[in-house]
Amino acid sequence: MIRIYLSDKAYENDIFQIVKMFYHNADVKIADEEITGAVFQEKLRQEKISANNAEERAKGECVKEGQLESLYISFDADKIQMLAIFSNDRRKYRIKNAQFTLETKSQYKNIIKRLLYGILSDATHKVLPWGILTGIRPTKLVYKMLEKGKSKEEIYDHMKAEYLCSEEKIAVSINIAKRELELLQEIDYQNGYSLYIGIPFCPSTCLYCSFTSYSIEKFSDYVEKYLKALEKEIIYGASVFSDKKLTCVYFGGGTPTTLTAEQLDWLLGTVKKYFDFSHVKEFCVEAGRPDSITREKLEVLKKWGVDRISINPQSMQQKTLDVIGRKHSVVQIKEAFALARETGHDNINMDIIIGLPGEDVGDVIKTLEEIKELNPDSLTVHTLAIKRAARLNIEKHNYIDMVPTDVRCMQEATVKFAKENDYVPYYLYRQKNIADNLENIGYARYNKEGLYNILIMEEQQTILALGAGGLTKYVSHDPYYIVREDNVRSVTDYINRIDELIERKRKFFNKHKC
């Protein structure tokens, strides 16, 4: 257990994330009580450390590798002090002059993170590719700088100095941000909006999943009730933006194709009945689970104009599919993909996850070889992020012997594969507790990019989200700000409280919508 003691809880999330990036598998606890400056000074006295020798210690011999046991941080208006105590009985002390004002709040926070990064990097001999960046949208920073006309050199300098990012990750961010700018120039995103509809049912729940997802077998009696409640929200949702053009429509979940062909036909028809699709640039449906796909369902998708789907194997190794609870075979993946091509789907994405339990670099390379034979139009490479609510975290004691190795080498294999097979990176995001401090990247052939993915990651357009677990984001451009309104995650709560949720959304838009 790593214990963290702070004089101010304002930065606890940033500090927690930096520590977790270095000690991914450790339990980290922020002390409930804030420490006073006097308590911090007493701790320094006990450890025989003086502020007078801070520079000498900072420049001295690196601490030999050892587990961080406790961390004390004191925040003052004119300086920041840190004391780290390690299991090998070594100490690391840092002090940094930093002026805190409302105007310098952001810079002050980054100084804290850089100071902590320096201590932990020295102690573990690790250099993290994304430096101190803990947010999920690193390309958003680069995107904004490109919009302001910053040069490539200026962006490099800023990302290295301010966030300690590696040159490799800065280059990836710049390339992706440039591609996003190109694609978004074709979209009037300020005068439009996109639509997300969540179907929270799956054939089974994957080991790593923390999304709003319920077993279709156990919740089959609720599906029709859910769809009736969703119809109410669809009818309301269609009235919200009568003055804006609908840009993208995305059906996610869960797995929308878990619905029967008849239910899917009714749902797609209902959405097209109430929403104006005349300006829609992308209509995407997650058909993620091969065991949910049939010819009839694929024909229904084509009937209603769906022009992008995802068929997501996550791995092409049967041993891995069995471990993560996918309940389908590698053969079924191939059959579902072939069936999609036969029924006219010419924009198919496939997702894989690197860092799955028990896999090594060879397994990932074999998965990529199988995917090459299928030749999808885009490939999304996720790095496993273990969420608190996922079974992989709750039951982690069962998978101690299956911890993956060389996740960075796995990622290198995917980068090489993408280059060799004409896939260009077009969007990127990161998650908390992501393996090896890496990222998720979407690759696509030209003109096969997922526009919705860019819009939601760069937060350039309002997303109206309907269904259980849906998170609506209202984006104001003048002035720029974002506000959110979420739906309940529970299927039964969504069904029983649908009128209340619609009214809550109505009040939300009355307050914020121009």
Protein backbone atom coordinates (compact mmCIF):
# COMPACT_ATOMS: atom_id res chain seq x y z
CA MET A 1 0.00 0.00 0.00
CA ILE A 2 1.28 3.46 -0.99
CA ARG A 3 -0.02 6.19 1.30
CA ILE A 4 -0.15 9.83 0.21
CA TYR A 5 -0.43 12.76 2.62
CA LEU A 6 -1.36 16.18 1.21
CA SER A 7 -1.71 19.66 2.65
CA ASP A 8 -4.40 20.43 0.06
CA LYS A 9 -6.78 17.98 -1.65
CA ALA A 10 -7.16 20.21 -4.73
CA TYR A 11 -4.51 18.22 -6.61
CA GLU A 12 -5.15 14.74 -5.24
CA ASN A 13 -6.44 13.27 -8.51
CA ASP A 14 -3.41 14.49 -10.50
CA ILE A 15 -1.00 13.16 -7.88
CA PHE A 16 -2.85 9.85 -7.62
CA GLN A 17 -2.65 9.35 -11.40
CA ILE A 18 1.08 10.13 -11.59
CA VAL A 19 1.81 7.61 -8.80
CA LYS A 20 -0.36 4.96 -10.49
CA MET A 21 1.48 5.46 -13.77
CA PHE A 22 4.73 4.43 -12.08
CA TYR A 23 3.25 1.82 -9.74
CA HIS A 24 0.48 0.42 -11.92
CA ASN A 25 -0.38 -2.62 -9.80
CA ALA A 26 0.00 -1.02 -6.37
CA ASP A 27 -2.85 -0.03 -4.07
CA VAL A 28 -2.70 3.73 -3.56
CA LYS A 29 -4.49 5.52 -0.74
CA ILE A 30 -4.90 9.28 -0.26
CA ALA A 31 -5.06 10.05 3.47
CA ASP A 32 -8.44 11.40 4.53
CA GLU A 33 -7.00 14.21 6.61
CA GLU A 34 -5.00 17.05 5.12
CA ILE A 35 -1.60 17.59 6.71
CA THR A 36 -0.57 21.04 7.95
CA GLY A 37 2.66 22.78 7.09
CA ALA A 38 3.81 22.18 10.65
CA VAL A 39 3.20 18.43 10.31
CA PHE A 40 5.20 18.38 7.09
CA GLN A 41 8.12 20.22 8.69
CA GLU A 42 8.05 17.83 11.63
CA LYS A 43 8.24 14.90 9.23
CA LEU A 44 11.29 16.47 7.56
CA ARG A 45 12.89 16.91 10.98
CA GLN A 46 12.23 13.26 11.85
CA GLU A 47 13.81 12.17 8.58
CA LYS A 48 16.75 14.53 9.20
CA ILE A 49 16.09 16.48 6.01
CA SER A 50 16.54 20.22 5.71
CA ALA A 51 15.33 22.58 3.03
CA ASN A 52 18.86 23.97 2.93
CA ASN A 53 20.23 20.84 1.25
CA ALA A 54 17.40 20.45 -1.26
CA GLU A 55 19.53 21.30 -4.28
CA GLU A 56 22.29 18.93 -3.21
CA ARG A 57 19.84 16.07 -2.79
CA ALA A 58 18.09 16.87 -6.04
CA LYS A 59 21.36 16.65 -7.95
CA GLY A 60 22.82 13.76 -6.01
CA GLU A 61 22.90 10.03 -6.64
CA CYS A 62 19.62 8.53 -7.83
CA VAL A 63 17.67 6.45 -5.33
CA LYS A 64 18.09 2.76 -6.03
CA GLU A 65 14.93 1.09 -7.18
CA GLY A 66 12.46 0.47 -4.38
CA GLN A 67 8.72 0.48 -3.79
CA LEU A 68 7.27 3.84 -2.85
CA GLU A 69 5.74 3.50 0.62
CA SER A 70 4.63 7.01 1.53
CA LEU A 71 4.53 10.44 -0.05
CA TYR A 72 4.18 13.77 1.76
CA ILE A 73 3.42 16.96 -0.21
CA SER A 74 3.08 20.48 1.15
CA PHE A 75 1.57 23.18 -1.07
CA ASP A 76 2.35 26.81 -0.27
CA ALA A 77 1.62 30.07 -2.07
CA ASP A 78 5.29 30.43 -3.03
CA LYS A 79 6.69 26.88 -3.07
CA ILE A 80 5.98 23.15 -3.27
CA GLN A 81 7.72 20.55 -1.10
CA MET A 82 7.72 16.77 -1.51
CA LEU A 83 9.12 13.93 0.55
CA ALA A 84 9.03 10.35 -0.76
CA ILE A 85 9.92 7.38 1.44
CA PHE A 86 10.82 4.08 -0.21
CA SER A 87 10.88 0.46 0.93
CA ASN A 88 14.69 0.29 0.64
CA ASP A 89 14.95 2.88 3.43
CA ARG A 90 15.88 5.67 1.03
CA ARG A 91 14.37 9.15 1.00
CA LYS A 92 13.81 11.63 -1.78
CA TYR A 93 13.15 15.30 -1.04
CA ARG A 94 12.30 18.07 -3.49
CA ILE A 95 11.48 21.74 -3.10
CA LYS A 96 10.45 24.09 -5.91
CA ASN A 97 9.62 27.78 -5.86
CA ALA A 98 6.21 28.29 -7.49
CA GLN A 99 3.84 31.22 -7.21
CA PHE A 100 0.17 30.28 -6.87
CA THR A 101 -2.48 32.71 -8.10
CA LEU A 102 -5.75 32.18 -9.95
CA GLU A 103 -3.89 33.17 -13.13
CA THR A 104 -1.03 30.69 -12.58
CA LYS A 105 -3.18 27.79 -11.29
CA SER A 106 -2.62 25.63 -14.37
CA GLN A 107 1.15 26.21 -14.42
CA TYR A 108 1.32 25.57 -10.66
CA LYS A 109 -0.39 22.19 -11.15
CA ASN A 110 2.05 21.19 -13.89
CA ILE A 111 5.01 22.13 -11.68
CA ILE A 112 3.62 19.77 -9.03
CA LYS A 113 3.32 16.96 -11.55
CA ARG A 114 6.79 17.54 -13.02
CA LEU A 115 8.33 17.58 -9.54
CA LEU A 116 6.64 14.30 -8.60
CA TYR A 117 7.51 12.77 -11.97
CA GLY A 118 11.18 13.60 -11.35
CA ILE A 119 11.21 11.86 -7.98
CA LEU A 120 9.50 8.71 -9.23
CA SER A 121 11.44 8.54 -12.48
CA ASP A 122 14.72 8.72 -10.53
CA ALA A 123 13.51 6.05 -8.11
CA THR A 124 12.20 3.57 -10.68
CA HIS A 125 14.50 4.43 -13.63
CA LYS A 126 11.37 4.68 -15.79
CA VAL A 127 10.68 7.27 -18.45
CA LEU A 128 6.99 7.49 -19.32
CA PRO A 129 6.20 8.12 -23.00
CA TRP A 130 3.44 10.63 -22.23
CA GLY A 131 5.32 12.31 -19.38
CA ILE A 132 2.96 13.99 -16.92
CA LEU A 133 -0.10 13.95 -19.18
CA THR A 134 -2.90 12.24 -17.28
CA GLY A 135 -5.90 13.42 -19.34
CA ILE A 136 -7.59 11.29 -21.97
CA ARG A 137 -7.18 13.71 -24.90
CA PRO A 138 -3.51 14.59 -25.49
CA THR A 139 -4.16 15.45 -29.14
CA LYS A 140 -6.62 18.12 -28.04
CA LEU A 141 -3.68 20.19 -26.76
CA VAL A 142 -1.87 19.85 -30.08
CA TYR A 143 -5.07 20.46 -32.05
CA LYS A 144 -5.58 23.79 -30.26
CA MET A 145 -1.98 24.84 -30.93
CA LEU A 146 -2.30 24.00 -34.63
CA GLU A 147 -5.53 26.02 -34.78
CA LYS A 148 -3.59 28.98 -33.36
CA GLY A 149 -0.96 28.64 -36.07
CA LYS A 150 1.85 27.24 -33.91
CA SER A 151 4.71 25.65 -35.83
CA LYS A 152 5.76 22.03 -35.46
CA GLU A 153 8.91 23.15 -33.63
CA GLU A 154 6.91 25.30 -31.18
CA ILE A 155 4.60 22.39 -30.43
CA TYR A 156 7.55 20.04 -29.84
CA ASP A 157 9.19 22.51 -27.47
CA HIS A 158 6.00 23.12 -25.51
CA MET A 159 5.01 19.46 -25.16
CA LYS A 160 8.52 18.47 -24.04
CA ALA A 161 9.05 21.33 -21.59
CA GLU A 162 5.57 21.53 -20.10
CA TYR A 163 4.49 17.88 -20.15
CA LEU A 164 7.77 15.90 -20.55
CA CYS A 165 6.34 13.97 -23.50
CA SER A 166 8.63 11.82 -25.62
CA GLU A 167 9.44 12.90 -29.17
CA GLU A 168 7.70 9.78 -30.48
CA LYS A 169 4.40 10.63 -28.79
CA ILE A 170 4.61 14.30 -29.78
CA ALA A 171 5.09 13.24 -33.41
CA VAL A 172 2.08 10.90 -33.24
CA SER A 173 -0.03 13.67 -31.68
CA ILE A 174 0.92 16.19 -34.36
CA ASN A 175 0.20 13.76 -37.22
CA ILE A 176 -3.18 12.82 -35.78
CA ALA A 177 -4.16 16.40 -34.96
CA LYS A 178 -3.31 17.47 -38.53
CA ARG A 179 -5.48 14.68 -39.93
CA GLU A 180 -8.32 15.66 -37.60
CA LEU A 181 -8.09 19.26 -38.76
CA GLU A 182 -8.33 18.13 -42.38
CA LEU A 183 -11.39 16.00 -41.69
CA LEU A 184 -13.18 18.54 -39.50
CA GLN A 185 -12.75 21.28 -42.13
CA GLU A 186 -15.36 19.36 -44.12
CA ILE A 187 -17.86 19.52 -41.22
CA ASP A 188 -19.84 22.52 -39.97
CA TYR A 189 -19.51 21.15 -36.44
CA GLN A 190 -20.37 24.44 -34.73
CA ASN A 191 -23.82 24.52 -36.32
CA GLY A 192 -24.43 20.80 -36.04
CA TYR A 193 -24.69 18.02 -33.51
CA SER A 194 -24.23 14.26 -33.36
CA LEU A 195 -26.45 11.57 -31.92
CA TYR A 196 -25.47 8.62 -29.71
CA ILE A 197 -27.93 5.85 -28.90
CA GLY A 198 -26.97 3.25 -26.31
CA ILE A 199 -28.15 -0.36 -26.37
CA PRO A 200 -26.93 -1.80 -23.04
CA PHE A 201 -27.17 -5.50 -23.86
CA CYS A 202 -24.46 -8.02 -24.78
CA PRO A 203 -24.28 -11.79 -25.31
CA SER A 204 -22.03 -11.88 -22.22
CA THR A 205 -19.95 -9.45 -20.15
CA CYS A 206 -16.24 -9.41 -20.97
CA LEU A 207 -13.70 -9.76 -18.18
CA TYR A 208 -12.33 -6.22 -18.65
CA CYS A 209 -15.63 -4.44 -19.34
CA SER A 210 -17.00 -1.63 -17.17
CA PHE A 211 -19.44 -0.19 -19.72
CA THR A 212 -23.20 -0.14 -19.30
CA SER A 213 -23.81 -3.70 -20.43
CA TYR A 214 -26.21 -6.43 -19.36
CA SER A 215 -26.42 -10.07 -20.39
CA ILE A 216 -29.17 -10.46 -22.99
CA GLU A 217 -29.89 -13.91 -21.60
CA LYS A 218 -30.59 -12.59 -18.08
CA PHE A 219 -32.30 -9.37 -19.17
CA SER A 220 -34.29 -10.60 -22.17
CA ASP A 221 -37.59 -9.76 -20.44
CA TYR A 222 -36.53 -6.10 -20.24
CA VAL A 223 -35.59 -5.51 -23.87
CA GLU A 224 -39.02 -4.54 -25.20
CA LYS A 225 -39.67 -2.31 -22.17
CA TYR A 226 -36.29 -0.69 -22.73
CA LEU A 227 -37.04 -0.01 -26.38
CA LYS A 228 -40.39 1.57 -25.52
CA ALA A 229 -38.69 3.87 -23.01
CA LEU A 230 -35.99 4.66 -25.56
CA GLU A 231 -38.68 5.54 -28.12
CA LYS A 232 -39.96 8.22 -25.74
CA GLU A 233 -36.48 9.71 -25.41
CA ILE A 234 -35.93 9.53 -29.20
CA ILE A 235 -39.14 11.49 -29.82
CA TYR A 236 -38.07 14.11 -27.30
CA GLY A 237 -34.46 14.17 -28.58
CA ALA A 238 -35.58 14.90 -32.13
CA SER A 239 -37.13 18.17 -30.93
CA VAL A 240 -34.02 19.53 -29.18
CA PHE A 241 -31.99 20.84 -32.13
CA SER A 242 -34.49 21.82 -34.79
CA ASP A 243 -32.11 24.63 -35.79
CA LYS A 244 -29.02 22.40 -36.20
CA LYS A 245 -27.95 19.80 -38.75
CA LEU A 246 -27.37 16.23 -37.63
CA THR A 247 -23.75 15.25 -38.47
CA CYS A 248 -23.14 11.71 -37.21
CA VAL A 249 -25.28 8.94 -35.71
CA TYR A 250 -23.63 6.27 -33.57
CA PHE A 251 -25.29 3.20 -32.05
CA GLY A 252 -23.15 1.81 -29.23
CA GLY A 253 -23.55 0.05 -25.95
CA GLY A 254 -23.31 -2.80 -25.18
CA THR A 255 -23.81 -4.41 -28.52
CA PRO A 256 -26.72 -3.06 -30.60
CA THR A 257 -26.80 -6.19 -32.76
CA THR A 258 -27.74 -8.19 -29.67
CA LEU A 259 -31.27 -7.06 -30.53
CA THR A 260 -33.25 -9.33 -32.86
CA ALA A 261 -33.45 -8.37 -36.53
CA GLU A 262 -37.06 -7.28 -35.98
CA GLN A 263 -36.16 -5.10 -32.99
CA LEU A 264 -33.22 -3.60 -34.85
CA ASP A 265 -35.41 -2.89 -37.87
CA TRP A 266 -38.00 -1.14 -35.70
CA LEU A 267 -35.36 0.90 -33.83
CA LEU A 268 -33.48 2.12 -36.91
CA GLY A 269 -36.76 2.95 -38.59
CA THR A 270 -37.93 4.89 -35.54
CA VAL A 271 -34.75 6.97 -35.42
CA LYS A 272 -35.03 7.75 -39.14
CA LYS A 273 -38.70 8.64 -38.70
CA TYR A 274 -38.04 11.34 -36.13
CA PHE A 275 -34.55 12.65 -37.04
CA ASP A 276 -33.59 14.41 -40.27
CA PHE A 277 -30.77 12.40 -41.89
CA SER A 278 -30.39 14.62 -44.97
CA HIS A 279 -27.06 16.06 -43.74
CA VAL A 280 -25.69 12.98 -41.93
CA LYS A 281 -22.10 12.22 -42.92
CA GLU A 282 -21.75 8.95 -40.97
CA PHE A 283 -24.18 6.36 -39.64
CA CYS A 284 -22.31 3.82 -37.53
CA VAL A 285 -23.54 0.76 -35.62
CA GLU A 286 -21.38 -1.33 -33.29
CA ALA A 287 -21.82 -4.94 -34.35
CA GLY A 288 -18.95 -5.70 -32.04
CA ARG A 289 -19.69 -9.26 -30.99
CA PRO A 290 -19.48 -11.78 -33.84
CA ASP A 291 -21.89 -14.06 -31.96
CA SER A 292 -24.57 -11.35 -32.28
CA ILE A 293 -24.32 -11.07 -36.07
CA THR A 294 -26.65 -12.71 -38.60
CA ARG A 295 -27.23 -12.15 -42.30
CA GLU A 296 -30.70 -10.81 -41.54
CA LYS A 297 -29.37 -8.20 -39.11
CA LEU A 298 -26.65 -7.09 -41.54
CA GLU A 299 -29.31 -6.67 -44.24
CA VAL A 300 -31.41 -4.56 -41.85
CA LEU A 301 -28.41 -2.27 -41.28
CA LYS A 302 -27.95 -1.81 -45.04
CA LYS A 303 -31.69 -1.24 -45.50
CA TRP A 304 -31.59 1.80 -43.21
CA GLY A 305 -28.38 3.28 -44.62
CA VAL A 306 -25.82 2.28 -41.99
CA ASP A 307 -22.48 3.01 -43.69
CA ARG A 308 -19.97 1.98 -41.01
CA ILE A 309 -19.91 -0.99 -38.65
CA SER A 310 -17.46 -2.51 -36.18
CA ILE A 311 -16.77 -6.22 -35.80
CA ASN A 312 -14.48 -6.49 -32.81
CA PRO A 313 -12.47 -9.64 -32.11
CA GLN A 314 -10.20 -8.04 -29.43
CA SER A 315 -7.92 -11.04 -30.03
CA MET A 316 -7.71 -13.77 -32.65
CA GLN A 317 -6.34 -16.23 -30.09
CA GLN A 318 -8.95 -18.73 -28.92
CA LYS A 319 -7.27 -19.21 -25.54
CA THR A 320 -7.61 -15.46 -24.91
CA LEU A 321 -11.22 -15.28 -26.05
CA ASP A 322 -12.05 -18.05 -23.58
CA VAL A 323 -10.29 -16.28 -20.71
CA ILE A 324 -11.95 -12.90 -21.29
CA GLY A 325 -15.42 -14.39 -21.65
CA ARG A 326 -16.12 -13.58 -25.28
CA LYS A 327 -18.23 -16.75 -25.82
CA HIS A 328 -17.40 -16.97 -29.52
CA SER A 329 -14.71 -18.59 -31.63
CA VAL A 330 -12.09 -17.23 -34.00
CA VAL A 331 -13.97 -19.02 -36.79
CA GLN A 332 -17.12 -17.05 -35.93
CA ILE A 333 -15.17 -13.80 -36.25
CA LYS A 334 -14.08 -14.73 -39.76
CA GLU A 335 -17.56 -15.91 -40.74
CA ALA A 336 -19.20 -12.71 -39.43
CA PHE A 337 -16.71 -10.54 -41.31
CA ALA A 338 -17.25 -12.47 -44.57
CA LEU A 339 -21.02 -12.20 -44.13
CA ALA A 340 -20.73 -8.43 -43.68
CA ARG A 341 -18.80 -8.13 -46.93
CA GLU A 342 -21.33 -10.35 -48.72
CA THR A 343 -24.19 -8.09 -47.60
CA GLY A 344 -22.48 -4.97 -48.96
CA HIS A 345 -20.75 -3.45 -45.95
CA ASP A 346 -17.69 -1.67 -47.33
CA ASN A 347 -16.56 0.26 -44.24
CA ILE A 348 -15.78 -2.20 -41.46
CA ASN A 349 -13.70 -1.43 -38.39
CA MET A 350 -12.08 -4.05 -36.18
CA ASP A 351 -10.93 -3.52 -32.58
CA ILE A 352 -8.12 -5.35 -30.85
CA ILE A 353 -6.78 -4.99 -27.30
CA ILE A 354 -3.13 -5.33 -26.40
CA GLY A 355 -2.18 -6.31 -22.87
CA LEU A 356 -4.90 -8.95 -22.42
CA PRO A 357 -4.34 -11.58 -19.70
CA GLY A 358 -1.84 -14.26 -20.66
CA GLU A 359 -0.87 -12.77 -24.02
CA ASP A 360 2.63 -12.01 -25.25
CA VAL A 361 4.02 -10.22 -28.30
CA GLY A 362 3.76 -13.39 -30.37
CA ASP A 363 0.03 -13.62 -29.69
CA VAL A 364 -0.50 -10.05 -30.84
CA ILE A 365 1.52 -10.63 -34.02
CA LYS A 366 -0.56 -13.73 -34.79
CA THR A 367 -3.76 -11.71 -34.25
CA LEU A 368 -2.50 -9.06 -36.69
CA GLU A 369 -1.67 -11.73 -39.26
CA GLU A 370 -5.23 -13.04 -39.06
CA ILE A 371 -6.65 -9.53 -39.36
CA LYS A 372 -4.49 -8.87 -42.42
CA GLU A 373 -6.25 -11.75 -44.18
CA LEU A 374 -9.65 -10.17 -43.45
CA ASN A 375 -8.44 -6.71 -44.58
CA PRO A 376 -10.77 -4.40 -42.60
CA ASP A 377 -11.09 -0.75 -43.61
CA SER A 378 -9.97 0.50 -40.21
CA LEU A 379 -8.31 -0.92 -37.11
CA THR A 380 -8.59 0.42 -33.58
CA VAL A 381 -5.83 -0.65 -31.21
CA HIS A 382 -6.75 -0.41 -27.53
CA THR A 383 -4.27 -0.82 -24.70
CA LEU A 384 -5.91 -2.63 -21.81
CA ALA A 385 -7.04 -0.30 -19.03
CA ILE A 386 -8.29 -2.10 -15.95
CA LYS A 387 -11.33 -0.28 -14.60
CA ARG A 388 -12.40 -0.47 -10.98
CA ALA A 389 -15.80 -2.03 -11.80
CA ALA A 390 -14.42 -4.66 -14.21
CA ARG A 391 -14.27 -8.31 -13.13
CA LEU A 392 -10.58 -8.32 -14.11
CA ASN A 393 -10.01 -5.88 -11.24
CA ILE A 394 -12.52 -7.28 -8.75
CA GLU A 395 -11.23 -10.84 -9.27
CA LYS A 396 -7.62 -9.89 -9.99
CA HIS A 397 -6.31 -12.55 -7.58
CA ASN A 398 -7.45 -15.14 -10.14
CA TYR A 399 -5.25 -13.67 -12.88
CA ILE A 400 -1.98 -12.98 -11.06
CA ASP A 401 -0.18 -15.56 -13.18
CA MET A 402 -1.56 -14.13 -16.43
CA VAL A 403 -0.10 -10.62 -16.32
CA PRO A 404 0.95 -9.70 -19.89
CA THR A 405 4.56 -8.85 -20.68
CA ASP A 406 6.16 -6.38 -23.10
CA VAL A 407 3.03 -4.31 -23.76
CA ARG A 408 5.19 -1.61 -25.38
CA CYS A 409 6.58 -4.20 -27.76
CA MET A 410 3.01 -5.23 -28.55
CA GLN A 411 2.22 -1.65 -29.43
CA GLU A 412 5.33 -1.39 -31.61
CA ALA A 413 4.08 -4.43 -33.52
CA THR A 414 0.72 -2.72 -34.16
CA VAL A 415 2.41 0.50 -35.33
CA LYS A 416 4.56 -1.50 -37.75
CA PHE A 417 1.51 -3.42 -38.99
CA ALA A 418 -0.44 -0.21 -39.61
CA LYS A 419 2.37 1.36 -41.64
CA GLU A 420 2.92 -1.76 -43.74
CA ASN A 421 -0.79 -2.10 -44.54
CA ASP A 422 -1.63 1.52 -45.39
CA TYR A 423 -3.53 2.38 -42.21
CA VAL A 424 -3.10 6.00 -41.11
CA PRO A 425 -3.62 7.08 -37.47
CA TYR A 426 -6.54 9.49 -37.20
CA TYR A 427 -7.63 9.62 -33.56
CA LEU A 428 -6.11 8.91 -30.18
CA TYR A 429 -7.21 8.82 -26.59
CA ARG A 430 -5.97 7.58 -23.26
CA GLN A 431 -7.56 6.06 -20.16
CA LYS A 432 -6.84 5.88 -16.46
CA ASN A 433 -4.88 2.80 -15.38
CA ILE A 434 -3.86 2.08 -18.95
CA ALA A 435 -1.04 -0.45 -19.33
CA ASP A 436 2.49 0.99 -19.59
CA ASN A 437 1.19 4.57 -19.77
CA LEU A 438 0.29 4.06 -23.43
CA GLU A 439 -2.78 4.99 -25.50
CA ASN A 440 -5.56 3.84 -27.81
CA ILE A 441 -5.18 4.70 -31.50
CA GLY A 442 -7.62 4.50 -34.38
CA TYR A 443 -6.07 3.66 -37.76
CA ALA A 444 -7.93 3.85 -41.05
CA ARG A 445 -7.47 3.85 -44.78
CA TYR A 446 -8.12 7.25 -46.32
CA ASN A 447 -11.81 8.23 -46.37
CA LYS A 448 -12.67 5.36 -44.00
CA GLU A 449 -12.10 7.29 -40.77
CA GLY A 450 -14.71 7.28 -38.01
CA LEU A 451 -15.85 10.93 -37.87
CA TYR A 452 -17.85 10.43 -34.68
CA ASN A 453 -14.69 9.24 -32.92
CA ILE A 454 -12.91 12.49 -33.75
CA LEU A 455 -15.85 14.68 -32.75
CA ILE A 456 -16.26 13.04 -29.35
CA MET A 457 -12.52 12.93 -28.59
CA GLU A 458 -11.73 16.52 -29.55
CA GLU A 459 -14.98 17.83 -28.00
CA GLN A 460 -15.68 20.07 -30.96
CA GLN A 461 -19.38 19.28 -31.28
CA THR A 462 -22.42 18.72 -29.10
CA ILE A 463 -23.29 15.04 -28.61
CA LEU A 464 -26.91 14.22 -27.78
CA ALA A 465 -26.83 10.86 -25.98
CA LEU A 466 -29.96 8.75 -25.57
CA GLY A 467 -30.41 5.47 -23.69
CA ALA A 468 -29.11 3.99 -20.45
CA GLY A 469 -25.62 5.24 -19.57
CA GLY A 470 -25.67 7.91 -22.28
CA LEU A 471 -23.58 11.03 -21.55
CA THR A 472 -24.78 14.15 -23.33
CA LYS A 473 -22.14 16.85 -23.94
CA TYR A 474 -23.24 20.35 -24.85
CA VAL A 475 -20.40 22.29 -26.49
CA SER A 476 -20.65 26.08 -26.60
CA HIS A 477 -18.22 27.76 -29.01
CA ASP A 478 -18.68 31.43 -28.10
CA PRO A 479 -17.63 31.43 -25.36
CA TYR A 480 -16.13 27.93 -25.42
CA TYR A 481 -17.28 25.67 -22.62
CA ILE A 482 -18.63 22.14 -22.15
CA VAL A 483 -21.40 20.95 -19.85
CA ARG A 484 -22.58 17.37 -19.38
CA GLU A 485 -25.79 15.58 -18.48
CA ASP A 486 -25.84 11.82 -17.98
CA ASN A 487 -28.56 9.20 -18.02
CA VAL A 488 -28.77 6.50 -15.37
CA ARG A 489 -26.80 3.33 -16.15
CA SER A 490 -29.32 0.81 -14.81
CA VAL A 491 -31.72 -0.65 -17.38
CA THR A 492 -34.54 -0.94 -14.85
CA ASP A 493 -33.99 2.60 -13.57
CA TYR A 494 -33.96 3.89 -17.14
CA ILE A 495 -37.28 2.15 -17.87
CA ASN A 496 -38.95 3.26 -14.65
CA ARG A 497 -37.62 6.83 -14.65
CA ILE A 498 -37.73 7.70 -18.36
CA ASP A 499 -40.18 10.60 -17.93
CA GLU A 500 -38.02 12.05 -15.16
CA LEU A 501 -34.87 11.68 -17.31
CA ILE A 502 -36.50 13.43 -20.25
CA GLU A 503 -37.62 16.28 -18.02
CA ARG A 504 -34.12 16.54 -16.56
CA LYS A 505 -32.70 16.77 -20.08
CA ARG A 506 -35.28 19.39 -21.03
CA LYS A 507 -34.24 21.57 -18.10
CA PHE A 508 -30.57 21.04 -18.97
CA PHE A 509 -31.02 22.27 -22.55
CA ASN A 510 -33.31 25.13 -21.52
CA LYS A 511 -30.50 26.33 -19.27
CA HIS A 512 -27.58 25.94 -21.67
CA LYS A 513 -28.76 25.82 -25.27
CA CYS A 514 -28.49 29.04 -27.23
